[in-house]
PDB file of N, CA and C in Angstrom:
ATOM      1  N   MET A   1      18.161  37.308-131.002  1.00  0.00           N
ATOM      2  CA  MET A   1      17.659  37.814-130.132  1.00  0.00           C
ATOM      3  C   MET A   1      16.168  38.448-130.141  1.00  0.00           C
ATOM      4  N   ASN A   2      16.107  38.820-131.447  1.00  0.00           N
ATOM      5  CA  ASN A   2      14.882  39.154-132.298  1.00  0.00           C
ATOM      6  C   ASN A   2      13.875  38.215-132.157  1.00  0.00           C
ATOM      7  N   ARG A   3      14.578  37.093-131.941  1.00  0.00           N
ATOM      8  CA  ARG A   3      13.648  35.957-132.593  1.00  0.00           C
ATOM      9  C   ARG A   3      13.234  35.472-130.975  1.00  0.00           C
ATOM     10  N   LEU A   4      13.867  35.389-130.361  1.00  0.00           N
ATOM     11  CA  LEU A   4      13.760  35.143-128.902  1.00  0.00           C
ATOM     12  C   LEU A   4      12.620  36.049-128.368  1.00  0.00           C
ATOM     13  N   CYS A   5      13.006  37.635-128.443  1.00  0.00           N
ATOM     14  CA  CYS A   5      11.789  38.237-127.691  1.00  0.00           C
ATOM     15  C   CYS A   5      10.158  37.703-129.199  1.00  0.00           C
ATOM     16  N   PHE A   6      10.239  37.638-130.324  1.00  0.00           N
ATOM     17  CA  PHE A   6       9.318  37.244-130.620  1.00  0.00           C
ATOM     18  C   PHE A   6       8.636  36.022-130.390  1.00  0.00           C
ATOM     19  N   ILE A   7       9.650  35.470-129.939  1.00  0.00           N
ATOM     20  CA  ILE A   7       8.646  33.425-129.319  1.00  0.00           C
ATOM     21  C   ILE A   7       7.842  34.298-127.797  1.00  0.00           C
ATOM     22  N   VAL A   8       8.279  35.151-127.018  1.00  0.00           N
ATOM     23  CA  VAL A   8       8.482  35.595-126.046  1.00  0.00           C
ATOM     24  C   VAL A   8       6.524  36.042-126.214  1.00  0.00           C
ATOM     25  N   ILE A   9       6.793  37.040-126.880  1.00  0.00           N
ATOM     26  CA  ILE A   9       5.749  37.310-127.338  1.00  0.00           C
ATOM     27  C   ILE A   9       4.734  37.092-127.487  1.00  0.00           C
ATOM     28  N   VAL A  10       4.875  36.314-128.934  1.00  0.00           N
ATOM     29  CA  VAL A  10       3.684  35.309-129.205  1.00  0.00           C
ATOM     30  C   VAL A  10       3.418  34.524-128.148  1.00  0.00           C
ATOM     31  N   SER A  11       3.601  33.915-127.525  1.00  0.00           N
ATOM     32  CA  SER A  11       3.193  33.036-126.581  1.00  0.00           C
ATOM     33  C   SER A  11       2.504  33.603-124.970  1.00  0.00           C
ATOM     34  N   ALA A  12       3.197  34.838-125.149  1.00  0.00           N
ATOM     35  CA  ALA A  12       2.281  35.614-124.058  1.00  0.00           C
ATOM     36  C   ALA A  12       0.618  36.252-124.733  1.00  0.00           C
ATOM     37  N   VAL A  13       0.767  36.635-126.178  1.00  0.00           N
ATOM     38  CA  VAL A  13      -0.788  37.001-126.586  1.00  0.00           C
ATOM     39  C   VAL A  13      -1.333  35.456-126.376  1.00  0.00           C
ATOM     40  N   ARG A  14      -0.900  34.117-126.899  1.00  0.00           N
ATOM     41  CA  ARG A  14      -1.629  32.979-126.962  1.00  0.00           C
ATOM     42  C   ARG A  14      -2.540  32.760-125.577  1.00  0.00           C
ATOM     43  N   GLU A  15      -1.313  33.230-124.295  1.00  0.00           N
ATOM     44  CA  GLU A  15      -1.751  33.058-122.742  1.00  0.00           C
ATOM     45  C   GLU A  15      -3.109  33.563-122.733  1.00  0.00           C
ATOM     46  N   LEU A  16      -2.899  34.789-123.256  1.00  0.00           N
ATOM     47  CA  LEU A  16      -3.929  36.404-123.020  1.00  0.00           C
ATOM     48  C   LEU A  16      -5.504  35.640-123.969  1.00  0.00           C
ATOM     49  N   VAL A  17      -5.414  34.944-125.007  1.00  0.00           N
ATOM     50  CA  VAL A  17      -6.403  34.600-125.673  1.00  0.00           C
ATOM     51  C   VAL A  17      -7.207  33.596-125.066  1.00  0.00           C
ATOM     52  N   VAL A  18      -6.311  32.378-124.981  1.00  0.00           N
ATOM     53  CA  VAL A  18      -6.444  31.643-124.208  1.00  0.00           C
ATOM     54  C   VAL A  18      -7.627  31.835-122.726  1.00  0.00           C
ATOM     55  N   ALA A  19      -7.072  33.184-122.050  1.00  0.00           N
ATOM     56  CA  ALA A  19      -7.465  33.257-120.511  1.00  0.00           C
ATOM     57  C   ALA A  19      -9.092  34.065-120.992  1.00  0.00           C
ATOM     58  N   TYR A  20      -8.509  34.931-122.603  1.00  0.00           N
ATOM     59  CA  TYR A  20      -9.836  35.132-122.417  1.00  0.00           C
ATOM     60  C   TYR A  20     -10.945  34.816-122.780  1.00  0.00           C
ATOM     61  N   VAL A  21     -10.718  33.948-123.819  1.00  0.00           N
ATOM     62  CA  VAL A  21     -11.800  32.492-124.429  1.00  0.00           C
ATOM     63  C   VAL A  21     -12.369  31.675-123.192  1.00  0.00           C
ATOM     64  N   GLY A  22     -11.649  31.263-122.163  1.00  0.00           N
ATOM     65  CA  GLY A  22     -12.156  30.303-121.638  1.00  0.00           C
ATOM     66  C   GLY A  22     -12.115  28.970-121.406  1.00  0.00           C
ATOM     67  N   PRO A  23     -12.462  28.414-120.337  1.00  0.00           N
ATOM     68  CA  PRO A  23     -12.263  26.797-120.861  1.00  0.00           C
ATOM     69  C   PRO A  23     -13.573  26.402-121.683  1.00  0.00           C
ATOM     70  N   GLN A  24     -13.101  25.490-123.162  1.00  0.00           N
ATOM     71  CA  GLN A  24     -14.100  25.168-124.236  1.00  0.00           C
ATOM     72  C   GLN A  24     -13.778  23.707-123.936  1.00  0.00           C
ATOM     73  N   GLU A  25     -15.123  23.694-124.553  1.00  0.00           N
ATOM     74  CA  GLU A  25     -15.807  21.773-124.613  1.00  0.00           C
ATOM     75  C   GLU A  25     -15.266  21.335-125.187  1.00  0.00           C
ATOM     76  N   PRO A  26     -14.618  19.249-124.795  1.00  0.00           N
ATOM     77  CA  PRO A  26     -14.499  19.418-125.956  1.00  0.00           C
ATOM     78  C   PRO A  26     -14.672  18.798-127.039  1.00  0.00           C
ATOM     79  N   LEU A  27     -14.131  18.749-128.473  1.00  0.00           N
ATOM     80  CA  LEU A  27     -14.612  18.720-129.672  1.00  0.00           C
ATOM     81  C   LEU A  27     -15.762  17.256-129.579  1.00  0.00           C
ATOM     82  N   LEU A  28     -15.424  16.650-129.156  1.00  0.00           N
ATOM     83  CA  LEU A  28     -16.340  15.258-129.216  1.00  0.00           C
ATOM     84  C   LEU A  28     -17.431  15.606-128.566  1.00  0.00           C
ATOM     85  N   ALA A  29     -17.389  16.203-127.261  1.00  0.00           N
ATOM     86  CA  ALA A  29     -18.157  16.650-126.604  1.00  0.00           C
ATOM     87  C   ALA A  29     -19.528  17.011-127.395  1.00  0.00           C
ATOM     88  N   THR A  30     -18.769  18.326-128.077  1.00  0.00           N
ATOM     89  CA  THR A  30     -19.858  18.771-128.893  1.00  0.00           C
ATOM     90  C   THR A  30     -20.595  18.555-130.383  1.00  0.00           C
ATOM     91  N   VAL A  31     -19.563  17.241-130.928  1.00  0.00           N
ATOM     92  CA  VAL A  31     -20.403  16.513-131.598  1.00  0.00           C
ATOM     93  C   VAL A  31     -21.141  15.437-131.422  1.00  0.00           C
ATOM     94  N   LYS A  32     -21.047  15.096-129.957  1.00  0.00           N
ATOM     95  CA  LYS A  32     -22.129  14.209-129.456  1.00  0.00           C
ATOM     96  C   LYS A  32     -23.252  15.024-129.317  1.00  0.00           C
ATOM     97  N   ARG A  33     -23.152  16.117-128.828  1.00  0.00           N
ATOM     98  CA  ARG A  33     -24.211  17.407-127.809  1.00  0.00           C
ATOM     99  C   ARG A  33     -25.341  17.491-129.399  1.00  0.00           C
ATOM    100  N   ARG A  34     -24.599  18.051-130.293  1.00  0.00           N
ATOM    101  CA  ARG A  34     -25.146  18.191-131.458  1.00  0.00           C
ATOM    102  C   ARG A  34     -26.020  16.768-132.182  1.00  0.00           C
ATOM    103  N   LYS A  35     -25.178  15.825-132.193  1.00  0.00           N
ATOM    104  CA  LYS A  35     -25.522  14.544-132.905  1.00  0.00           C
ATOM    105  C   LYS A  35     -26.947  14.540-132.256  1.00  0.00           C
ATOM    106  N   LEU A  36     -26.809  14.345-130.709  1.00  0.00           N
ATOM    107  CA  LEU A  36     -27.863  13.922-130.182  1.00  0.00           C
ATOM    108  C   LEU A  36     -29.319  15.177-130.461  1.00  0.00           C
ATOM    109  N   ALA A  37     -29.370  16.281-129.960  1.00  0.00           N
ATOM    110  CA  ALA A  37     -30.116  16.849-130.106  1.00  0.00           C
ATOM    111  C   ALA A  37     -30.359  16.245-131.734  1.00  0.00           C
ATOM    112  N   TRP A  38     -29.659  16.667-132.769  1.00  0.00           N
ATOM    113  CA  TRP A  38     -30.710  16.894-133.694  1.00  0.00           C
ATOM    114  C   TRP A  38     -31.223  15.551-134.023  1.00  0.00           C
ATOM    115  N   PHE A  39     -31.206  14.117-133.500  1.00  0.00           N
ATOM    116  CA  PHE A  39     -31.859  13.013-133.588  1.00  0.00           C
ATOM    117  C   PHE A  39     -33.033  13.502-132.725  1.00  0.00           C
ATOM    118  N   GLY A  40     -32.896  13.991-131.888  1.00  0.00           N
ATOM    119  CA  GLY A  40     -33.946  14.623-130.969  1.00  0.00           C
ATOM    120  C   GLY A  40     -35.281  14.997-131.951  1.00  0.00           C
ATOM    121  N   HIS A  41     -34.603  16.024-132.620  1.00  0.00           N
ATOM    122  CA  HIS A  41     -35.680  17.125-132.902  1.00  0.00           C
ATOM    123  C   HIS A  41     -36.353  16.558-134.226  1.00  0.00           C
ATOM    124  N   VAL A  42     -35.454  15.870-134.984  1.00  0.00           N
ATOM    125  CA  VAL A  42     -35.904  15.047-135.955  1.00  0.00           C
ATOM    126  C   VAL A  42     -36.994  13.612-135.644  1.00  0.00           C
ATOM    127  N   THR A  43     -36.554  13.357-134.465  1.00  0.00           N
ATOM    128  CA  THR A  43     -37.631  12.204-134.002  1.00  0.00           C
ATOM    129  C   THR A  43     -38.839  12.855-133.791  1.00  0.00           C
ATOM    130  N   ARG A  44     -39.029  13.450-132.747  1.00  0.00           N
ATOM    131  CA  ARG A  44     -39.878  14.686-132.798  1.00  0.00           C
ATOM    132  C   ARG A  44     -40.860  15.288-133.993  1.00  0.00           C
ATOM    133  N   HIS A  45     -40.763  15.073-135.128  1.00  0.00           N
ATOM    134  CA  HIS A  45     -41.344  15.798-136.470  1.00  0.00           C
ATOM    135  C   HIS A  45     -41.957  14.589-137.794  1.00  0.00           C
ATOM    136  N   ASP A  46     -42.980  14.391-137.754  1.00  0.00           N
ATOM    137  CA  ASP A  46     -42.761  13.892-139.186  1.00  0.00           C
ATOM    138  C   ASP A  46     -42.818  13.962-140.638  1.00  0.00           C
ATOM    139  N   THR A  47     -41.395  14.057-140.413  1.00  0.00           N
ATOM    140  CA  THR A  47     -41.081  14.510-141.444  1.00  0.00           C
ATOM    141  C   THR A  47     -39.753  13.586-142.549  1.00  0.00           C
ATOM    142  N   LEU A  48     -39.635  13.821-143.866  1.00  0.00           N
ATOM    143  CA  LEU A  48     -38.240  13.133-144.660  1.00  0.00           C
ATOM    144  C   LEU A  48     -37.835  12.456-144.054  1.00  0.00           C
ATOM    145  N   SER A  49     -37.155  13.599-143.462  1.00  0.00           N
ATOM    146  CA  SER A  49     -35.236  13.386-142.529  1.00  0.00           C
ATOM    147  C   SER A  49     -35.921  12.289-141.413  1.00  0.00           C
ATOM    148  N   LYS A  50     -37.375  12.104-140.707  1.00  0.00           N
ATOM    149  CA  LYS A  50     -37.057  11.028-139.887  1.00  0.00           C
ATOM    150  C   LYS A  50     -37.285   9.579-140.471  1.00  0.00           C
ATOM    151  N   THR A  51     -38.579   9.684-141.603  1.00  0.00           N
ATOM    152  CA  THR A  51     -38.630   8.243-142.703  1.00  0.00           C
ATOM    153  C   THR A  51     -36.778   7.467-143.410  1.00  0.00           C
ATOM    154  N   ILE A  52     -35.938   8.376-143.203  1.00  0.00           N
ATOM    155  CA  ILE A  52     -34.881   7.952-143.687  1.00  0.00           C
ATOM    156  C   ILE A  52     -33.596   7.586-142.891  1.00  0.00           C
ATOM    157  N   LEU A  53     -34.141   8.706-141.605  1.00  0.00           N
ATOM    158  CA  LEU A  53     -33.246   7.805-140.489  1.00  0.00           C
ATOM    159  C   LEU A  53     -33.430   6.789-139.882  1.00  0.00           C
ATOM    160  N   GLN A  54     -34.810   6.111-139.920  1.00  0.00           N
ATOM    161  CA  GLN A  54     -35.405   5.745-138.973  1.00  0.00           C
ATOM    162  C   GLN A  54     -35.351   4.256-140.146  1.00  0.00           C
ATOM    163  N   GLY A  55     -34.843   4.588-141.122  1.00  0.00           N
ATOM    164  CA  GLY A  55     -35.516   3.483-142.142  1.00  0.00           C
ATOM    165  C   GLY A  55     -34.509   2.217-142.649  1.00  0.00           C
ATOM    166  N   THR A  56     -34.747   1.056-143.279  1.00  0.00           N
ATOM    167  CA  THR A  56     -33.587   0.657-143.494  1.00  0.00           C
ATOM    168  C   THR A  56     -33.767   0.043-144.520  1.00  0.00           C
ATOM    169  N   VAL A  57     -32.773   0.246-145.142  1.00  0.00           N
ATOM    170  CA  VAL A  57     -32.109  -0.538-146.946  1.00  0.00           C
ATOM    171  C   VAL A  57     -32.076  -2.028-146.929  1.00  0.00           C
ATOM    172  N   GLU A  58     -32.701  -2.302-148.175  1.00  0.00           N
ATOM    173  CA  GLU A  58     -32.785  -3.968-149.143  1.00  0.00           C
ATOM    174  C   GLU A  58     -32.052  -4.193-148.932  1.00  0.00           C
ATOM    175  N   GLY A  59     -31.014  -5.585-149.214  1.00  0.00           N
ATOM    176  CA  GLY A  59     -30.125  -6.193-149.952  1.00  0.00           C
ATOM    177  C   GLY A  59     -28.984  -6.128-148.707  1.00  0.00           C
ATOM    178  N   LYS A  60     -28.051  -7.010-149.076  1.00  0.00           N
ATOM    179  CA  LYS A  60     -26.473  -6.731-148.331  1.00  0.00           C
ATOM    180  C   LYS A  60     -25.643  -5.600-148.884  1.00  0.00           C
ATOM    181  N   ARG A  61     -24.826  -6.004-147.877  1.00  0.00           N
ATOM    182  CA  ARG A  61     -24.078  -4.838-147.343  1.00  0.00           C
ATOM    183  C   ARG A  61     -23.043  -5.949-148.106  1.00  0.00           C
ATOM    184  N   ARG A  62     -21.728  -4.547-148.123  1.00  0.00           N
ATOM    185  CA  ARG A  62     -20.552  -5.431-148.667  1.00  0.00           C
ATOM    186  C   ARG A  62     -19.807  -6.322-148.148  1.00  0.00           C
ATOM    187  N   ARG A  63     -18.769  -7.102-148.852  1.00  0.00           N
ATOM    188  CA  ARG A  63     -17.502  -7.567-147.984  1.00  0.00           C
ATOM    189  C   ARG A  63     -17.074  -7.072-147.244  1.00  0.00           C
ATOM    190  N   GLY A  64     -16.624  -7.319-145.748  1.00  0.00           N
ATOM    191  CA  GLY A  64     -15.516  -6.756-144.596  1.00  0.00           C
ATOM    192  C   GLY A  64     -15.934  -6.598-143.882  1.00  0.00           C
ATOM    193  N   ARG A  65     -15.507  -5.241-142.722  1.00  0.00           N
ATOM    194  CA  ARG A  65     -16.197  -4.754-141.786  1.00  0.00           C
ATOM    195  C   ARG A  65     -17.095  -3.949-142.050  1.00  0.00           C
ATOM    196  N   GLN A  66     -18.100  -3.914-141.630  1.00  0.00           N
ATOM    197  CA  GLN A  66     -19.402  -3.311-141.300  1.00  0.00           C
ATOM    198  C   GLN A  66     -19.397  -1.497-140.717  1.00  0.00           C
ATOM    199  N   LYS A  67     -19.468  -0.557-141.867  1.00  0.00           N
ATOM    200  CA  LYS A  67     -19.363   0.629-141.542  1.00  0.00           C
ATOM    201  C   LYS A  67     -20.204   0.644-140.577  1.00  0.00           C
ATOM    202  N   LYS A  68     -20.117   1.361-139.020  1.00  0.00           N
ATOM    203  CA  LYS A  68     -20.869   2.284-137.860  1.00  0.00           C
ATOM    204  C   LYS A  68     -22.032   2.833-138.793  1.00  0.00           C
ATOM    205  N   ALA A  69     -23.240   2.473-138.503  1.00  0.00           N
ATOM    206  CA  ALA A  69     -24.264   3.487-138.438  1.00  0.00           C
ATOM    207  C   ALA A  69     -24.496   4.930-137.946  1.00  0.00           C
ATOM    208  N   TRP A  70     -25.125   5.596-138.392  1.00  0.00           N
ATOM    209  CA  TRP A  70     -25.239   6.682-137.694  1.00  0.00           C
ATOM    210  C   TRP A  70     -25.984   6.455-136.108  1.00  0.00           C
ATOM    211  N   CYS A  71     -27.158   5.769-136.094  1.00  0.00           N
ATOM    212  CA  CYS A  71     -27.754   5.353-135.204  1.00  0.00           C
ATOM    213  C   CYS A  71     -26.829   4.793-134.472  1.00  0.00           C
ATOM    214  N   ASP A  72     -25.958   3.831-134.549  1.00  0.00           N
ATOM    215  CA  ASP A  72     -24.963   2.649-133.673  1.00  0.00           C
ATOM    216  C   ASP A  72     -24.377   4.035-132.516  1.00  0.00           C
ATOM    217  N   ASN A  73     -24.230   5.575-133.121  1.00  0.00           N
ATOM    218  CA  ASN A  73     -23.650   6.071-132.241  1.00  0.00           C
ATOM    219  C   ASN A  73     -24.530   6.096-131.133  1.00  0.00           C
ATOM    220  N   ILE A  74     -25.477   7.025-131.497  1.00  0.00           N
ATOM    221  CA  ILE A  74     -26.687   7.784-130.857  1.00  0.00           C
ATOM    222  C   ILE A  74     -27.057   5.811-129.260  1.00  0.00           C
ATOM    223  N   LYS A  75     -27.137   4.904-129.823  1.00  0.00           N
ATOM    224  CA  LYS A  75     -27.305   3.811-129.085  1.00  0.00           C
ATOM    225  C   LYS A  75     -26.158   3.835-128.788  1.00  0.00           C
ATOM    226  N   GLU A  76     -24.861   3.629-128.694  1.00  0.00           N
ATOM    227  CA  GLU A  76     -23.720   3.819-127.649  1.00  0.00           C
ATOM    228  C   GLU A  76     -23.862   4.750-126.970  1.00  0.00           C
ATOM    229  N   TRP A  77     -24.035   5.531-126.986  1.00  0.00           N
ATOM    230  CA  TRP A  77     -23.928   6.780-126.078  1.00  0.00           C
ATOM    231  C   TRP A  77     -25.167   7.047-125.105  1.00  0.00           C
ATOM    232  N   THR A  78     -26.255   6.855-125.257  1.00  0.00           N
ATOM    233  CA  THR A  78     -27.058   6.842-124.403  1.00  0.00           C
ATOM    234  C   THR A  78     -27.255   5.119-123.528  1.00  0.00           C
ATOM    235  N   GLY A  79     -26.727   4.287-124.456  1.00  0.00           N
ATOM    236  CA  GLY A  79     -26.804   3.249-123.585  1.00  0.00           C
ATOM    237  C   GLY A  79     -28.758   2.956-124.053  1.00  0.00           C
ATOM    238  N   MET A  80     -29.493   3.204-125.206  1.00  0.00           N
ATOM    239  CA  MET A  80     -30.669   2.980-124.759  1.00  0.00           C
ATOM    240  C   MET A  80     -31.005   2.168-126.285  1.00  0.00           C
ATOM    241  N   ALA A  81     -31.920   1.615-126.684  1.00  0.00           N
ATOM    242  CA  ALA A  81     -32.266   0.714-127.481  1.00  0.00           C
ATOM    243  C   ALA A  81     -33.010   1.714-128.222  1.00  0.00           C
ATOM    244  N   MET A  82     -33.521   1.306-129.070  1.00  0.00           N
ATOM    245  CA  MET A  82     -33.869   2.568-130.700  1.00  0.00           C
ATOM    246  C   MET A  82     -35.313   2.477-130.262  1.00  0.00           C
ATOM    247  N   TYR A  83     -36.257   1.718-129.647  1.00  0.00           N
ATOM    248  CA  TYR A  83     -37.496   2.102-129.363  1.00  0.00           C
ATOM    249  C   TYR A  83     -37.526   2.748-127.692  1.00  0.00           C
ATOM    250  N   GLU A  84     -36.381   2.630-127.023  1.00  0.00           N
ATOM    251  CA  GLU A  84     -36.646   3.840-125.637  1.00  0.00           C
ATOM    252  C   GLU A  84     -36.052   5.099-126.370  1.00  0.00           C
ATOM    253  N   LEU A  85     -34.411   5.111-127.413  1.00  0.00           N
ATOM    254  CA  LEU A  85     -35.067   7.113-127.790  1.00  0.00           C
ATOM    255  C   LEU A  85     -35.942   7.244-128.413  1.00  0.00           C
ATOM    256  N   VAL A  86     -36.776   6.638-128.757  1.00  0.00           N
ATOM    257  CA  VAL A  86     -37.807   7.111-129.842  1.00  0.00           C
ATOM    258  C   VAL A  86     -38.606   7.896-129.044  1.00  0.00           C
ATOM    259  N   ARG A  87     -38.942   7.053-127.669  1.00  0.00           N
ATOM    260  CA  ARG A  87     -39.911   7.218-126.769  1.00  0.00           C
ATOM    261  C   ARG A  87     -39.982   8.206-126.250  1.00  0.00           C
ATOM    262  N   SER A  88     -38.076   8.291-125.360  1.00  0.00           N
ATOM    263  CA  SER A  88     -37.450   9.125-125.072  1.00  0.00           C
ATOM    264  C   SER A  88     -37.706  10.137-125.534  1.00  0.00           C
ATOM    265  N   ALA A  89     -37.099  10.837-126.802  1.00  0.00           N
ATOM    266  CA  ALA A  89     -36.870  12.056-127.464  1.00  0.00           C
ATOM    267  C   ALA A  89     -38.533  13.007-127.520  1.00  0.00           C
ATOM    268  N   SER A  90     -39.548  12.030-127.513  1.00  0.00           N
ATOM    269  CA  SER A  90     -40.515  12.619-127.766  1.00  0.00           C
ATOM    270  C   SER A  90     -40.924  13.929-126.347  1.00  0.00           C
ATOM    271  N   ASP A  91     -40.633  13.647-125.428  1.00  0.00           N
ATOM    272  CA  ASP A  91     -40.349  14.435-124.340  1.00  0.00           C
ATOM    273  C   ASP A  91     -38.612  15.275-124.256  1.00  0.00           C
ATOM    274  N   ARG A  92     -38.938  16.988-124.993  1.00  0.00           N
ATOM    275  CA  ARG A  92     -37.805  17.280-125.312  1.00  0.00           C
ATOM    276  C   ARG A  92     -37.155  17.745-123.691  1.00  0.00           C
ATOM    277  N   ASP A  93     -37.526  18.067-122.924  1.00  0.00           N
ATOM    278  CA  ASP A  93     -37.145  18.852-121.923  1.00  0.00           C
ATOM    279  C   ASP A  93     -36.280  16.899-121.052  1.00  0.00           C
ATOM    280  N   ALA A  94     -36.617  15.952-121.136  1.00  0.00           N
ATOM    281  CA  ALA A  94     -36.199  14.679-120.346  1.00  0.00           C
ATOM    282  C   ALA A  94     -34.837  14.595-122.162  1.00  0.00           C
ATOM    283  N   TRP A  95     -35.248  15.138-123.088  1.00  0.00           N
ATOM    284  CA  TRP A  95     -34.137  14.468-123.998  1.00  0.00           C
ATOM    285  C   TRP A  95     -33.203  15.275-123.625  1.00  0.00           C
ATOM    286  N   ARG A  96     -32.787  17.116-123.338  1.00  0.00           N
ATOM    287  CA  ARG A  96     -32.601  17.570-123.291  1.00  0.00           C
ATOM    288  C   ARG A  96     -31.084  17.282-122.283  1.00  0.00           C
ATOM    289  N   GLN A  97     -31.818  16.855-120.693  1.00  0.00           N
ATOM    290  CA  GLN A  97     -30.815  16.207-119.584  1.00  0.00           C
ATOM    291  C   GLN A  97     -29.809  15.243-120.576  1.00  0.00           C
ATOM    292  N   LYS A  98     -30.947  14.356-121.024  1.00  0.00           N
ATOM    293  CA  LYS A  98     -29.854  12.785-121.509  1.00  0.00           C
ATOM    294  C   LYS A  98     -29.434  13.445-122.575  1.00  0.00           C
ATOM    295  N   THR A  99     -29.138  14.300-123.499  1.00  0.00           N
ATOM    296  CA  THR A  99     -28.236  14.373-124.116  1.00  0.00           C
ATOM    297  C   THR A  99     -26.428  15.039-123.551  1.00  0.00           C
ATOM    298  N   ASP A 100     -27.200  16.373-122.347  1.00  0.00           N
ATOM    299  CA  ASP A 100     -26.456  16.527-121.688  1.00  0.00           C
ATOM    300  C   ASP A 100     -25.595  15.569-120.940  1.00  0.00           C
ATOM    301  N   SER A 101     -26.070  15.072-120.142  1.00  0.00           N
ATOM    302  CA  SER A 101     -25.326  13.669-119.745  1.00  0.00           C
ATOM    303  C   SER A 101     -24.680  13.150-120.758  1.00  0.00           C
ATOM    304  N   SER A 102     -25.155  12.378-121.474  1.00  0.00           N
ATOM    305  CA  SER A 102     -24.374  11.313-122.591  1.00  0.00           C
ATOM    306  C   SER A 102     -23.111  12.254-123.267  1.00  0.00           C
ATOM    307  N   ALA A 103     -23.251  13.340-123.798  1.00  0.00           N
ATOM    308  CA  ALA A 103     -22.693  13.752-124.581  1.00  0.00           C
ATOM    309  C   ALA A 103     -21.142  14.058-123.707  1.00  0.00           C
ATOM    310  N   LEU A 104     -21.247  14.857-121.862  1.00  0.00           N
ATOM    311  CA  LEU A 104     -20.619  14.532-121.293  1.00  0.00           C
ATOM    312  C   LEU A 104     -19.753  13.184-120.600  1.00  0.00           C
ATOM    313  N   ARG A 105     -20.130  12.562-121.019  1.00  0.00           N
ATOM    314  CA  ARG A 105     -19.067  10.992-120.400  1.00  0.00           C
ATOM    315  C   ARG A 105     -18.361  10.941-121.583  1.00  0.00           C
ATOM    316  N   SER A 106     -17.245  10.594-121.116  1.00  0.00           N
ATOM    317  CA  SER A 106     -16.252  10.257-122.099  1.00  0.00           C
ATOM    318  C   SER A 106     -16.029   8.731-122.777  1.00  0.00           C
ATOM    319  N   PRO A 107     -15.097   9.117-123.724  1.00  0.00           N
ATOM    320  CA  PRO A 107     -15.384   7.675-124.818  1.00  0.00           C
ATOM    321  C   PRO A 107     -15.053   6.565-124.224  1.00  0.00           C
ATOM    322  N   ARG A 108     -15.045   5.214-124.710  1.00  0.00           N
ATOM    323  CA  ARG A 108     -14.741   4.139-123.991  1.00  0.00           C
ATOM    324  C   ARG A 108     -14.111   3.501-125.470  1.00  0.00           C
ATOM    325  N   ARG A 109     -12.338   3.474-125.148  1.00  0.00           N
ATOM    326  CA  ARG A 109     -11.458   3.107-125.846  1.00  0.00           C
ATOM    327  C   ARG A 109     -11.348   1.832-125.642  1.00  0.00           C
ATOM    328  N   PRO A 110     -11.341   0.360-126.097  1.00  0.00           N
ATOM    329  CA  PRO A 110     -10.489  -0.602-126.077  1.00  0.00           C
ATOM    330  C   PRO A 110      -9.505  -0.599-126.000  1.00  0.00           C
ATOM    331  N   HIS A 111      -9.040  -0.867-124.175  1.00  0.00           N
ATOM    332  CA  HIS A 111      -7.406  -1.208-123.951  1.00  0.00           C
ATOM    333  C   HIS A 111      -6.533  -2.130-125.111  1.00  0.00           C
ATOM    334  N   ARG A 112      -5.572  -1.203-125.488  1.00  0.00           N
ATOM    335  CA  ARG A 112      -4.713  -1.672-126.665  1.00  0.00           C
ATOM    336  C   ARG A 112      -3.452  -2.471-125.284  1.00  0.00           C
ATOM    337  N   SER A 113      -2.943  -3.317-125.628  1.00  0.00           N
ATOM    338  CA  SER A 113      -2.239  -4.338-124.965  1.00  0.00           C
ATOM    339  C   SER A 113      -0.027  -4.029-126.307  1.00  0.00           C
ATOM    340  N   ARG A 114       0.131  -3.361-125.824  1.00  0.00           N
ATOM    341  CA  ARG A 114       1.538  -3.790-126.463  1.00  0.00           C
ATOM    342  C   ARG A 114       2.296  -4.814-126.290  1.00  0.00           C
ATOM    343  N   ASP A 115       2.603  -5.496-126.913  1.00  0.00           N
ATOM    344  CA  ASP A 115       2.897  -6.647-127.061  1.00  0.00           C
ATOM    345  C   ASP A 115       4.483  -7.038-128.200  1.00  0.00           C
TER     346      ASP A 115
END
């Protein structure tokens, strides 16, 4: 009997906590928003971070599937080329709107058929 009461009390407490906290932004949307905001911040300043972010490394990559570059996510989420991203990030207000709209879009995952 005690176990049954404990489960009811714990679930009631969890519901109260969820109601108190309110609706949360999905984790992927938070990551997208923060990553896009950081890209805009770095792009607007002339620092070593900007040089590293926009630079390329000479040489060949390893065999196999290539790892997704950091900027590939930015290009995929916004649907813009790199030169467009750099130009639009220079305007803070426009970039903030772009960040918010891109972060809220749901990710597109390829359809997997069950064969």
